[in-house]
């Protein structure tokens, strides 16, 4: 596995989309909810890279577990942003779909690379 794996590419694409979408938030929200969304998706991308670049099975499992937790956080933050009117329902569905696809890939990796 390497840092250019499809899983890493998906995580990067999501992070980029979140960065672009949160740039349109009102200034007050860009620094709070927007920043949390950006930080969490960046953490998700970093954890995915950590998982695919380590040779240690225990480290890989932990990074994948953390990536799954980050997926849950991103979806929660997306829902909150939608409830506050920052995203349309279509935008939330599209981004949440990306998160779920990524989460499925992470779960698949966890099953493949057991201790």
PDB file of N, CA and C in Angstrom:
ATOM      1  N   UNK A   1       0.841  -1.182   0.000  1.00  0.00           N
ATOM      2  CA  UNK A   1       0.000   0.000   0.000  1.00  0.00           C
ATOM      3  C   UNK A   1       0.885   1.244   0.000  1.00  0.00           C
ATOM      4  N   UNK A   2       0.393   2.299  -0.583  1.00  0.00           N
ATOM      5  CA  UNK A   2       1.157   3.536  -0.591  1.00  0.00           C
ATOM      6  C   UNK A   2       0.231   4.730  -0.435  1.00  0.00           C
ATOM      7  N   UNK A   3       0.858   5.906  -0.300  1.00  0.00           N
ATOM      8  CA  UNK A   3       0.073   7.115  -0.029  1.00  0.00           C
ATOM      9  C   UNK A   3      -0.768   7.555  -1.226  1.00  0.00           C
ATOM     10  N   UNK A   4      -0.600   6.920  -2.378  1.00  0.00           N
ATOM     11  CA  UNK A   4      -1.426   7.240  -3.547  1.00  0.00           C
ATOM     12  C   UNK A   4      -2.503   6.181  -3.776  1.00  0.00           C
ATOM     13  N   UNK A   5      -2.812   5.432  -2.747  1.00  0.00           N
ATOM     14  CA  UNK A   5      -3.841   4.402  -2.859  1.00  0.00           C
ATOM     15  C   UNK A   5      -5.200   5.059  -3.111  1.00  0.00           C
ATOM     16  N   UNK A   6      -6.143   4.308  -3.651  1.00  0.00           N
ATOM     17  CA  UNK A   6      -7.486   4.873  -3.867  1.00  0.00           C
ATOM     18  C   UNK A   6      -8.118   5.415  -2.581  1.00  0.00           C
ATOM     19  N   UNK A   7      -7.837   4.769  -1.471  1.00  0.00           N
ATOM     20  CA  UNK A   7      -8.381   5.221  -0.184  1.00  0.00           C
ATOM     21  C   UNK A   7      -7.850   6.606   0.169  1.00  0.00           C
ATOM     22  N   UNK A   8      -6.559   6.813  -0.026  1.00  0.00           N
ATOM     23  CA  UNK A   8      -5.957   8.121   0.249  1.00  0.00           C
ATOM     24  C   UNK A   8      -6.501   9.159  -0.723  1.00  0.00           C
ATOM     25  N   UNK A   9      -6.634   8.787  -1.986  1.00  0.00           N
ATOM     26  CA  UNK A   9      -7.181   9.712  -2.975  1.00  0.00           C
ATOM     27  C   UNK A   9      -8.605  10.129  -2.621  1.00  0.00           C
ATOM     28  N   UNK A  10      -9.414   9.176  -2.133  1.00  0.00           N
ATOM     29  CA  UNK A  10     -10.783   9.508  -1.716  1.00  0.00           C
ATOM     30  C   UNK A  10     -10.777  10.454  -0.520  1.00  0.00           C
ATOM     31  N   UNK A  11      -9.896  10.196   0.440  1.00  0.00           N
ATOM     32  CA  UNK A  11      -9.811  11.058   1.630  1.00  0.00           C
ATOM     33  C   UNK A  11      -9.370  12.465   1.236  1.00  0.00           C
ATOM     34  N   UNK A  12      -8.413  12.562   0.322  1.00  0.00           N
ATOM     35  CA  UNK A  12      -7.950  13.867  -0.144  1.00  0.00           C
ATOM     36  C   UNK A  12      -9.073  14.603  -0.883  1.00  0.00           C
ATOM     37  N   UNK A  13      -9.790  13.894  -1.738  1.00  0.00           N
ATOM     38  CA  UNK A  13     -10.886  14.527  -2.492  1.00  0.00           C
ATOM     39  C   UNK A  13     -11.949  15.074  -1.548  1.00  0.00           C
ATOM     40  N   UNK A  14     -12.262  14.319  -0.503  1.00  0.00           N
ATOM     41  CA  UNK A  14     -13.242  14.788   0.480  1.00  0.00           C
ATOM     42  C   UNK A  14     -12.718  16.020   1.203  1.00  0.00           C
ATOM     43  N   UNK A  15     -11.463  15.983   1.638  1.00  0.00           N
ATOM     44  CA  UNK A  15     -10.886  17.135   2.348  1.00  0.00           C
ATOM     45  C   UNK A  15     -10.913  18.379   1.468  1.00  0.00           C
ATOM     46  N   UNK A  16     -10.567  18.207   0.212  1.00  0.00           N
ATOM     47  CA  UNK A  16     -10.583  19.349  -0.713  1.00  0.00           C
ATOM     48  C   UNK A  16     -11.995  19.899  -0.886  1.00  0.00           C
ATOM     49  N   UNK A  17     -12.977  19.009  -1.042  1.00  0.00           N
ATOM     50  CA  UNK A  17     -14.357  19.460  -1.197  1.00  0.00           C
ATOM     51  C   UNK A  17     -14.842  20.200   0.054  1.00  0.00           C
ATOM     52  N   UNK A  18     -14.496  19.692   1.215  1.00  0.00           N
ATOM     53  CA  UNK A  18     -14.882  20.355   2.472  1.00  0.00           C
ATOM     54  C   UNK A  18     -14.218  21.725   2.577  1.00  0.00           C
ATOM     55  N   UNK A  19     -12.949  21.813   2.234  1.00  0.00           N
ATOM     56  CA  UNK A  19     -12.265  23.111   2.278  1.00  0.00           C
ATOM     57  C   UNK A  19     -12.962  24.121   1.367  1.00  0.00           C
ATOM     58  N   UNK A  20     -13.303  23.693   0.162  1.00  0.00           N
ATOM     59  CA  UNK A  20     -13.974  24.601  -0.774  1.00  0.00           C
ATOM     60  C   UNK A  20     -15.366  24.978  -0.276  1.00  0.00           C
ATOM     61  N   UNK A  21     -16.100  24.026   0.251  1.00  0.00           N
ATOM     62  CA  UNK A  21     -17.469  24.283   0.701  1.00  0.00           C
ATOM     63  C   UNK A  21     -17.504  25.185   1.932  1.00  0.00           C
ATOM     64  N   UNK A  22     -16.577  24.979   2.864  1.00  0.00           N
ATOM     65  CA  UNK A  22     -16.598  25.785   4.084  1.00  0.00           C
ATOM     66  C   UNK A  22     -16.080  27.200   3.848  1.00  0.00           C
ATOM     67  N   UNK A  23     -15.388  27.427   2.749  1.00  0.00           N
ATOM     68  CA  UNK A  23     -14.937  28.783   2.432  1.00  0.00           C
ATOM     69  C   UNK A  23     -16.127  29.702   2.173  1.00  0.00           C
ATOM     70  N   UNK A  24     -17.280  29.108   1.862  1.00  0.00           N
ATOM     71  CA  UNK A  24     -18.499  29.888   1.589  1.00  0.00           C
ATOM     72  C   UNK A  24     -19.334  30.139   2.846  1.00  0.00           C
ATOM     73  N   UNK A  25     -18.913  29.579   3.975  1.00  0.00           N
ATOM     74  CA  UNK A  25     -19.640  29.797   5.228  1.00  0.00           C
ATOM     75  C   UNK A  25     -19.562  31.274   5.613  1.00  0.00           C
ATOM     76  N   UNK A  26     -20.528  31.753   6.393  1.00  0.00           N
ATOM     77  CA  UNK A  26     -20.404  33.107   6.951  1.00  0.00           C
ATOM     78  C   UNK A  26     -19.117  33.186   7.785  1.00  0.00           C
ATOM     79  N   UNK A  27     -18.539  34.355   7.848  1.00  0.00           N
ATOM     80  CA  UNK A  27     -17.241  34.520   8.520  1.00  0.00           C
ATOM     81  C   UNK A  27     -17.227  33.924   9.928  1.00  0.00           C
ATOM     82  N   UNK A  28     -18.278  34.168  10.691  1.00  0.00           N
ATOM     83  CA  UNK A  28     -18.348  33.662  12.067  1.00  0.00           C
ATOM     84  C   UNK A  28     -18.249  32.133  12.100  1.00  0.00           C
ATOM     85  N   UNK A  29     -18.907  31.464  11.171  1.00  0.00           N
ATOM     86  CA  UNK A  29     -18.926  30.004  11.141  1.00  0.00           C
ATOM     87  C   UNK A  29     -17.674  29.411  10.509  1.00  0.00           C
ATOM     88  N   UNK A  30     -16.985  30.178   9.664  1.00  0.00           N
ATOM     89  CA  UNK A  30     -15.750  29.673   9.061  1.00  0.00           C
ATOM     90  C   UNK A  30     -14.719  29.344  10.128  1.00  0.00           C
ATOM     91  N   UNK A  31     -14.701  30.141  11.182  1.00  0.00           N
ATOM     92  CA  UNK A  31     -13.713  29.946  12.241  1.00  0.00           C
ATOM     93  C   UNK A  31     -14.109  28.944  13.287  1.00  0.00           C
ATOM     94  N   UNK A  32     -15.335  28.480  13.276  1.00  0.00           N
ATOM     95  CA  UNK A  32     -15.752  27.501  14.277  1.00  0.00           C
ATOM     96  C   UNK A  32     -16.174  26.200  13.604  1.00  0.00           C
ATOM     97  N   UNK A  33     -17.407  26.122  13.165  1.00  0.00           N
ATOM     98  CA  UNK A  33     -17.895  24.892  12.537  1.00  0.00           C
ATOM     99  C   UNK A  33     -17.106  24.563  11.271  1.00  0.00           C
ATOM    100  N   UNK A  34     -16.819  25.555  10.475  1.00  0.00           N
ATOM    101  CA  UNK A  34     -16.037  25.327   9.263  1.00  0.00           C
ATOM    102  C   UNK A  34     -14.651  24.795   9.584  1.00  0.00           C
ATOM    103  N   UNK A  35     -14.029  25.363  10.598  1.00  0.00           N
ATOM    104  CA  UNK A  35     -12.685  24.907  10.992  1.00  0.00           C
ATOM    105  C   UNK A  35     -12.732  23.479  11.522  1.00  0.00           C
ATOM    106  N   UNK A  36     -13.768  23.145  12.288  1.00  0.00           N
ATOM    107  CA  UNK A  36     -13.893  21.772  12.791  1.00  0.00           C
ATOM    108  C   UNK A  36     -14.049  20.779  11.636  1.00  0.00           C
ATOM    109  N   UNK A  37     -14.843  21.145  10.642  1.00  0.00           N
ATOM    110  CA  UNK A  37     -15.003  20.277   9.472  1.00  0.00           C
ATOM    111  C   UNK A  37     -13.674  20.110   8.731  1.00  0.00           C
ATOM    112  N   UNK A  38     -12.967  21.212   8.532  1.00  0.00           N
ATOM    113  CA  UNK A  38     -11.682  21.137   7.832  1.00  0.00           C
ATOM    114  C   UNK A  38     -10.677  20.304   8.622  1.00  0.00           C
ATOM    115  N   UNK A  39     -10.592  20.552   9.917  1.00  0.00           N
ATOM    116  CA  UNK A  39      -9.646  19.808  10.756  1.00  0.00           C
ATOM    117  C   UNK A  39      -9.958  18.312  10.762  1.00  0.00           C
ATOM    118  N   UNK A  40     -11.234  17.984  10.880  1.00  0.00           N
ATOM    119  CA  UNK A  40     -11.612  16.573  10.950  1.00  0.00           C
ATOM    120  C   UNK A  40     -11.349  15.856   9.634  1.00  0.00           C
ATOM    121  N   UNK A  41     -11.636  16.501   8.509  1.00  0.00           N
ATOM    122  CA  UNK A  41     -11.361  15.841   7.233  1.00  0.00           C
ATOM    123  C   UNK A  41      -9.856  15.752   6.980  1.00  0.00           C
ATOM    124  N   UNK A  42      -9.101  16.729   7.449  1.00  0.00           N
ATOM    125  CA  UNK A  42      -7.648  16.643   7.329  1.00  0.00           C
ATOM    126  C   UNK A  42      -7.110  15.510   8.205  1.00  0.00           C
ATOM    127  N   UNK A  43      -7.650  15.371   9.425  1.00  0.00           N
ATOM    128  CA  UNK A  43      -7.277  14.245  10.283  1.00  0.00           C
ATOM    129  C   UNK A  43      -7.595  12.922   9.598  1.00  0.00           C
ATOM    130  N   UNK A  44      -8.755  12.852   8.975  1.00  0.00           N
ATOM    131  CA  UNK A  44      -9.165  11.641   8.273  1.00  0.00           C
ATOM    132  C   UNK A  44      -8.171  11.293   7.158  1.00  0.00           C
ATOM    133  N   UNK A  45      -7.787  12.279   6.384  1.00  0.00           N
ATOM    134  CA  UNK A  45      -6.811  12.045   5.310  1.00  0.00           C
ATOM    135  C   UNK A  45      -5.469  11.609   5.887  1.00  0.00           C
ATOM    136  N   UNK A  46      -5.031  12.259   6.952  1.00  0.00           N
ATOM    137  CA  UNK A  46      -3.752  11.917   7.579  1.00  0.00           C
ATOM    138  C   UNK A  46      -3.776  10.507   8.158  1.00  0.00           C
ATOM    139  N   UNK A  47      -4.864  10.144   8.821  1.00  0.00           N
ATOM    140  CA  UNK A  47      -4.973   8.802   9.392  1.00  0.00           C
ATOM    141  C   UNK A  47      -4.990   7.740   8.292  1.00  0.00           C
ATOM    142  N   UNK A  48      -5.604   8.074   7.177  1.00  0.00           N
ATOM    143  CA  UNK A  48      -5.630   7.144   6.046  1.00  0.00           C
ATOM    144  C   UNK A  48      -4.224   6.955   5.489  1.00  0.00           C
ATOM    145  N   UNK A  49      -3.488   8.050   5.347  1.00  0.00           N
ATOM    146  CA  UNK A  49      -2.098   7.951   4.887  1.00  0.00           C
ATOM    147  C   UNK A  49      -1.271   7.131   5.876  1.00  0.00           C
ATOM    148  N   UNK A  50      -1.442   7.406   7.173  1.00  0.00           N
ATOM    149  CA  UNK A  50      -0.718   6.631   8.185  1.00  0.00           C
ATOM    150  C   UNK A  50      -1.003   5.143   8.038  1.00  0.00           C
ATOM    151  N   UNK A  51      -2.258   4.803   7.806  1.00  0.00           N
ATOM    152  CA  UNK A  51      -2.649   3.397   7.706  1.00  0.00           C
ATOM    153  C   UNK A  51      -2.019   2.708   6.502  1.00  0.00           C
ATOM    154  N   UNK A  52      -1.968   3.408   5.391  1.00  0.00           N
ATOM    155  CA  UNK A  52      -1.472   2.748   4.173  1.00  0.00           C
ATOM    156  C   UNK A  52       0.046   2.791   4.047  1.00  0.00           C
ATOM    157  N   UNK A  53       0.723   3.556   4.885  1.00  0.00           N
ATOM    158  CA  UNK A  53       2.175   3.652   4.756  1.00  0.00           C
ATOM    159  C   UNK A  53       2.934   2.914   5.850  1.00  0.00           C
ATOM    160  N   UNK A  54       2.263   2.445   6.880  1.00  0.00           N
ATOM    161  CA  UNK A  54       2.970   1.730   7.943  1.00  0.00           C
ATOM    162  C   UNK A  54       3.064   0.246   7.631  1.00  0.00           C
ATOM    163  N   UNK A  55       4.126  -0.347   8.108  1.00  0.00           N
ATOM    164  CA  UNK A  55       4.296  -1.796   7.971  1.00  0.00           C
ATOM    165  C   UNK A  55       3.851  -2.533   9.225  1.00  0.00           C
ATOM    166  N   UNK A  56       3.585  -1.791  10.286  1.00  0.00           N
ATOM    167  CA  UNK A  56       3.199  -2.403  11.559  1.00  0.00           C
ATOM    168  C   UNK A  56       1.689  -2.661  11.570  1.00  0.00           C
ATOM    169  N   UNK A  57       1.281  -3.915  11.684  1.00  0.00           N
ATOM    170  CA  UNK A  57      -0.156  -4.241  11.647  1.00  0.00           C
ATOM    171  C   UNK A  57      -0.965  -3.560  12.755  1.00  0.00           C
ATOM    172  N   UNK A  58      -0.388  -3.448  13.945  1.00  0.00           N
ATOM    173  CA  UNK A  58      -1.114  -2.812  15.049  1.00  0.00           C
ATOM    174  C   UNK A  58      -1.302  -1.319  14.775  1.00  0.00           C
ATOM    175  N   UNK A  59      -0.269  -0.666  14.253  1.00  0.00           N
ATOM    176  CA  UNK A  59      -0.385   0.755  13.912  1.00  0.00           C
ATOM    177  C   UNK A  59      -1.398   0.952  12.793  1.00  0.00           C
ATOM    178  N   UNK A  60      -1.389   0.054  11.829  1.00  0.00           N
ATOM    179  CA  UNK A  60      -2.340   0.138  10.720  1.00  0.00           C
ATOM    180  C   UNK A  60      -3.773   0.033  11.242  1.00  0.00           C
ATOM    181  N   UNK A  61      -4.022  -0.929  12.110  1.00  0.00           N
ATOM    182  CA  UNK A  61      -5.372  -1.102  12.651  1.00  0.00           C
ATOM    183  C   UNK A  61      -5.813   0.130  13.444  1.00  0.00           C
ATOM    184  N   UNK A  62      -4.907   0.690  14.223  1.00  0.00           N
ATOM    185  CA  UNK A  62      -5.253   1.874  15.018  1.00  0.00           C
ATOM    186  C   UNK A  62      -5.538   3.075  14.121  1.00  0.00           C
ATOM    187  N   UNK A  63      -4.729   3.270  13.106  1.00  0.00           N
ATOM    188  CA  UNK A  63      -4.963   4.388  12.176  1.00  0.00           C
ATOM    189  C   UNK A  63      -6.294   4.205  11.450  1.00  0.00           C
ATOM    190  N   UNK A  64      -6.607   2.988  11.048  1.00  0.00           N
ATOM    191  CA  UNK A  64      -7.884   2.721  10.377  1.00  0.00           C
ATOM    192  C   UNK A  64      -9.051   2.936  11.327  1.00  0.00           C
ATOM    193  N   UNK A  65      -8.888   2.531  12.597  1.00  0.00           N
ATOM    194  CA  UNK A  65      -9.944   2.753  13.589  1.00  0.00           C
ATOM    195  C   UNK A  65     -10.187   4.254  13.769  1.00  0.00           C
ATOM    196  N   UNK A  66      -9.099   5.001  13.875  1.00  0.00           N
ATOM    197  CA  UNK A  66      -9.230   6.450  14.027  1.00  0.00           C
ATOM    198  C   UNK A  66      -9.878   7.077  12.798  1.00  0.00           C
ATOM    199  N   UNK A  67      -9.562   6.557  11.617  1.00  0.00           N
ATOM    200  CA  UNK A  67     -10.180   7.065  10.390  1.00  0.00           C
ATOM    201  C   UNK A  67     -11.692   6.808  10.415  1.00  0.00           C
ATOM    202  N   UNK A  68     -12.109   5.653  10.919  1.00  0.00           N
ATOM    203  CA  UNK A  68     -13.546   5.358  11.003  1.00  0.00           C
ATOM    204  C   UNK A  68     -14.238   6.321  11.972  1.00  0.00           C
ATOM    205  N   UNK A  69     -13.590   6.619  13.076  1.00  0.00           N
ATOM    206  CA  UNK A  69     -14.145   7.584  14.034  1.00  0.00           C
ATOM    207  C   UNK A  69     -14.248   8.962  13.380  1.00  0.00           C
ATOM    208  N   UNK A  70     -13.231   9.346  12.619  1.00  0.00           N
ATOM    209  CA  UNK A  70     -13.254  10.634  11.926  1.00  0.00           C
ATOM    210  C   UNK A  70     -14.396  10.690  10.917  1.00  0.00           C
ATOM    211  N   UNK A  71     -14.696   9.579  10.261  1.00  0.00           N
ATOM    212  CA  UNK A  71     -15.835   9.536   9.326  1.00  0.00           C
ATOM    213  C   UNK A  71     -17.137   9.851  10.051  1.00  0.00           C
ATOM    214  N   UNK A  72     -17.311   9.290  11.232  1.00  0.00           N
ATOM    215  CA  UNK A  72     -18.514   9.559  12.022  1.00  0.00           C
ATOM    216  C   UNK A  72     -18.576  11.035  12.398  1.00  0.00           C
ATOM    217  N   UNK A  73     -17.434  11.589  12.813  1.00  0.00           N
ATOM    218  CA  UNK A  73     -17.393  13.012  13.176  1.00  0.00           C
ATOM    219  C   UNK A  73     -17.726  13.904  11.989  1.00  0.00           C
ATOM    220  N   UNK A  74     -17.162  13.595  10.827  1.00  0.00           N
ATOM    221  CA  UNK A  74     -17.430  14.405   9.632  1.00  0.00           C
ATOM    222  C   UNK A  74     -18.925  14.383   9.318  1.00  0.00           C
ATOM    223  N   UNK A  75     -19.535  13.214   9.355  1.00  0.00           N
ATOM    224  CA  UNK A  75     -20.973  13.144   9.068  1.00  0.00           C
ATOM    225  C   UNK A  75     -21.793  13.936  10.076  1.00  0.00           C
ATOM    226  N   UNK A  76     -21.404  13.887  11.340  1.00  0.00           N
ATOM    227  CA  UNK A  76     -22.111  14.660  12.369  1.00  0.00           C
ATOM    228  C   UNK A  76     -21.974  16.162  12.102  1.00  0.00           C
ATOM    229  N   UNK A  77     -20.767  16.597  11.760  1.00  0.00           N
ATOM    230  CA  UNK A  77     -20.539  18.016  11.476  1.00  0.00           C
ATOM    231  C   UNK A  77     -21.254  18.459  10.207  1.00  0.00           C
ATOM    232  N   UNK A  78     -21.305  17.582   9.204  1.00  0.00           N
ATOM    233  CA  UNK A  78     -22.050  17.903   7.984  1.00  0.00           C
ATOM    234  C   UNK A  78     -23.529  18.103   8.298  1.00  0.00           C
ATOM    235  N   UNK A  79     -24.061  17.222   9.108  1.00  0.00           N
ATOM    236  CA  UNK A  79     -25.475  17.328   9.488  1.00  0.00           C
ATOM    237  C   UNK A  79     -25.742  18.639  10.238  1.00  0.00           C
ATOM    238  N   UNK A  80     -24.849  18.968  11.150  1.00  0.00           N
ATOM    239  CA  UNK A  80     -24.991  20.223  11.900  1.00  0.00           C
ATOM    240  C   UNK A  80     -24.919  21.427  10.960  1.00  0.00           C
ATOM    241  N   UNK A  81     -23.974  21.405  10.029  1.00  0.00           N
ATOM    242  CA  UNK A  81     -23.854  22.504   9.062  1.00  0.00           C
ATOM    243  C   UNK A  81     -25.115  22.618   8.216  1.00  0.00           C
ATOM    244  N   UNK A  82     -25.691  21.490   7.869  1.00  0.00           N
ATOM    245  CA  UNK A  82     -26.949  21.504   7.116  1.00  0.00           C
ATOM    246  C   UNK A  82     -28.084  22.071   7.940  1.00  0.00           C
ATOM    247  N   UNK A  83     -28.165  21.663   9.202  1.00  0.00           N
ATOM    248  CA  UNK A  83     -29.217  22.170  10.090  1.00  0.00           C
ATOM    249  C   UNK A  83     -29.113  23.678  10.279  1.00  0.00           C
ATOM    250  N   UNK A  84     -27.892  24.195  10.176  1.00  0.00           N
ATOM    251  CA  UNK A  84     -27.687  25.636  10.338  1.00  0.00           C
ATOM    252  C   UNK A  84     -27.843  26.382   9.018  1.00  0.00           C
ATOM    253  N   UNK A  85     -28.162  25.658   7.954  1.00  0.00           N
ATOM    254  CA  UNK A  85     -28.423  26.286   6.674  1.00  0.00           C
ATOM    255  C   UNK A  85     -27.202  26.570   5.817  1.00  0.00           C
ATOM    256  N   UNK A  86     -26.054  25.989   6.172  1.00  0.00           N
ATOM    257  CA  UNK A  86     -24.827  26.239   5.415  1.00  0.00           C
ATOM    258  C   UNK A  86     -24.680  25.331   4.194  1.00  0.00           C
ATOM    259  N   UNK A  87     -25.381  24.205   4.190  1.00  0.00           N
ATOM    260  CA  UNK A  87     -25.372  23.284   3.061  1.00  0.00           C
ATOM    261  C   UNK A  87     -26.800  22.948   2.678  1.00  0.00           C
ATOM    262  N   UNK A  88     -27.000  22.711   1.408  1.00  0.00           N
ATOM    263  CA  UNK A  88     -28.301  22.223   0.952  1.00  0.00           C
ATOM    264  C   UNK A  88     -28.373  20.728   1.243  1.00  0.00           C
ATOM    265  N   UNK A  89     -29.571  20.193   1.176  1.00  0.00           N
ATOM    266  CA  UNK A  89     -29.753  18.761   1.381  1.00  0.00           C
ATOM    267  C   UNK A  89     -28.961  17.971   0.338  1.00  0.00           C
ATOM    268  N   UNK A  90     -28.955  18.440  -0.892  1.00  0.00           N
ATOM    269  CA  UNK A  90     -28.202  17.764  -1.956  1.00  0.00           C
ATOM    270  C   UNK A  90     -26.699  17.765  -1.656  1.00  0.00           C
ATOM    271  N   UNK A  91     -26.178  18.877  -1.157  1.00  0.00           N
ATOM    272  CA  UNK A  91     -24.750  18.939  -0.818  1.00  0.00           C
ATOM    273  C   UNK A  91     -24.419  17.975   0.317  1.00  0.00           C
ATOM    274  N   UNK A  92     -25.290  17.938   1.319  1.00  0.00           N
ATOM    275  CA  UNK A  92     -25.061  17.031   2.447  1.00  0.00           C
ATOM    276  C   UNK A  92     -25.087  15.585   1.979  1.00  0.00           C
ATOM    277  N   UNK A  93     -26.066  15.247   1.146  1.00  0.00           N
ATOM    278  CA  UNK A  93     -26.158  13.872   0.642  1.00  0.00           C
ATOM    279  C   UNK A  93     -24.915  13.506  -0.153  1.00  0.00           C
ATOM    280  N   UNK A  94     -24.441  14.403  -0.989  1.00  0.00           N
ATOM    281  CA  UNK A  94     -23.251  14.127  -1.808  1.00  0.00           C
ATOM    282  C   UNK A  94     -22.017  13.931  -0.926  1.00  0.00           C
ATOM    283  N   UNK A  95     -21.796  14.849   0.005  1.00  0.00           N
ATOM    284  CA  UNK A  95     -20.614  14.737   0.860  1.00  0.00           C
ATOM    285  C   UNK A  95     -20.727  13.553   1.810  1.00  0.00           C
ATOM    286  N   UNK A  96     -21.904  13.324   2.368  1.00  0.00           N
ATOM    287  CA  UNK A  96     -22.095  12.163   3.249  1.00  0.00           C
ATOM    288  C   UNK A  96     -21.891  10.865   2.482  1.00  0.00           C
ATOM    289  N   UNK A  97     -22.299  10.847   1.225  1.00  0.00           N
ATOM    290  CA  UNK A  97     -22.066   9.679   0.392  1.00  0.00           C
ATOM    291  C   UNK A  97     -20.579   9.416   0.214  1.00  0.00           C
ATOM    292  N   UNK A  98     -19.808  10.484   0.029  1.00  0.00           N
ATOM    293  CA  UNK A  98     -18.357  10.333  -0.075  1.00  0.00           C
ATOM    294  C   UNK A  98     -17.773   9.785   1.224  1.00  0.00           C
ATOM    295  N   UNK A  99     -18.278  10.300   2.342  1.00  0.00           N
ATOM    296  CA  UNK A  99     -17.794   9.839   3.642  1.00  0.00           C
ATOM    297  C   UNK A  99     -18.120   8.351   3.823  1.00  0.00           C
ATOM    298  N   UNK A 100     -19.321   7.956   3.464  1.00  0.00           N
ATOM    299  CA  UNK A 100     -19.709   6.550   3.608  1.00  0.00           C
ATOM    300  C   UNK A 100     -18.887   5.644   2.700  1.00  0.00           C
ATOM    301  N   UNK A 101     -18.613   6.084   1.482  1.00  0.00           N
ATOM    302  CA  UNK A 101     -17.758   5.304   0.575  1.00  0.00           C
ATOM    303  C   UNK A 101     -16.368   5.146   1.172  1.00  0.00           C
ATOM    304  N   UNK A 102     -15.839   6.227   1.706  1.00  0.00           N
ATOM    305  CA  UNK A 102     -14.528   6.183   2.342  1.00  0.00           C
ATOM    306  C   UNK A 102     -14.554   5.267   3.563  1.00  0.00           C
ATOM    307  N   UNK A 103     -15.592   5.393   4.379  1.00  0.00           N
ATOM    308  CA  UNK A 103     -15.716   4.564   5.580  1.00  0.00           C
ATOM    309  C   UNK A 103     -15.792   3.081   5.203  1.00  0.00           C
ATOM    310  N   UNK A 104     -16.519   2.767   4.143  1.00  0.00           N
ATOM    311  CA  UNK A 104     -16.598   1.381   3.670  1.00  0.00           C
ATOM    312  C   UNK A 104     -15.216   0.874   3.261  1.00  0.00           C
ATOM    313  N   UNK A 105     -14.456   1.710   2.585  1.00  0.00           N
ATOM    314  CA  UNK A 105     -13.101   1.323   2.188  1.00  0.00           C
ATOM    315  C   UNK A 105     -12.191   1.109   3.385  1.00  0.00           C
ATOM    316  N   UNK A 106     -12.322   1.972   4.381  1.00  0.00           N
ATOM    317  CA  UNK A 106     -11.529   1.830   5.606  1.00  0.00           C
ATOM    318  C   UNK A 106     -11.912   0.537   6.319  1.00  0.00           C
ATOM    319  N   UNK A 107     -13.198   0.254   6.420  1.00  0.00           N
ATOM    320  CA  UNK A 107     -13.661  -0.982   7.068  1.00  0.00           C
ATOM    321  C   UNK A 107     -13.132  -2.207   6.323  1.00  0.00           C
ATOM    322  N   UNK A 108     -13.133  -2.128   5.009  1.00  0.00           N
ATOM    323  CA  UNK A 108     -12.615  -3.230   4.190  1.00  0.00           C
ATOM    324  C   UNK A 108     -11.128  -3.449   4.489  1.00  0.00           C
ATOM    325  N   UNK A 109     -10.375  -2.360   4.575  1.00  0.00           N
ATOM    326  CA  UNK A 109      -8.945  -2.460   4.890  1.00  0.00           C
ATOM    327  C   UNK A 109      -8.731  -3.071   6.269  1.00  0.00           C
ATOM    328  N   UNK A 110      -9.582  -2.722   7.220  1.00  0.00           N
ATOM    329  CA  UNK A 110      -9.449  -3.282   8.570  1.00  0.00           C
ATOM    330  C   UNK A 110      -9.651  -4.791   8.556  1.00  0.00           C
ATOM    331  N   UNK A 111     -10.582  -5.255   7.724  1.00  0.00           N
ATOM    332  CA  UNK A 111     -10.825  -6.703   7.638  1.00  0.00           C
ATOM    333  C   UNK A 111      -9.663  -7.420   6.945  1.00  0.00           C
ATOM    334  N   UNK A 112      -9.099  -6.783   5.941  1.00  0.00           N
ATOM    335  CA  UNK A 112      -8.003  -7.395   5.172  1.00  0.00           C
ATOM    336  C   UNK A 112      -6.727  -7.451   5.998  1.00  0.00           C
ATOM    337  N   UNK A 113      -6.438  -6.386   6.706  1.00  0.00           N
ATOM    338  CA  UNK A 113      -5.171  -6.288   7.443  1.00  0.00           C
ATOM    339  C   UNK A 113      -5.392  -6.438   8.945  1.00  0.00           C
ATOM    340  N   UNK A 114      -5.713  -7.641   9.332  1.00  0.00           N
ATOM    341  CA  UNK A 114      -5.838  -7.958  10.773  1.00  0.00           C
ATOM    342  C   UNK A 114      -4.454  -8.165  11.353  1.00  0.00           C
ATOM    343  N   UNK A 115      -4.386  -8.101  12.656  1.00  0.00           N
ATOM    344  CA  UNK A 115      -3.108  -8.292  13.366  1.00  0.00           C
ATOM    345  C   UNK A 115      -2.433  -9.577  12.943  1.00  0.00           C
TER     346      UNK A 115
END
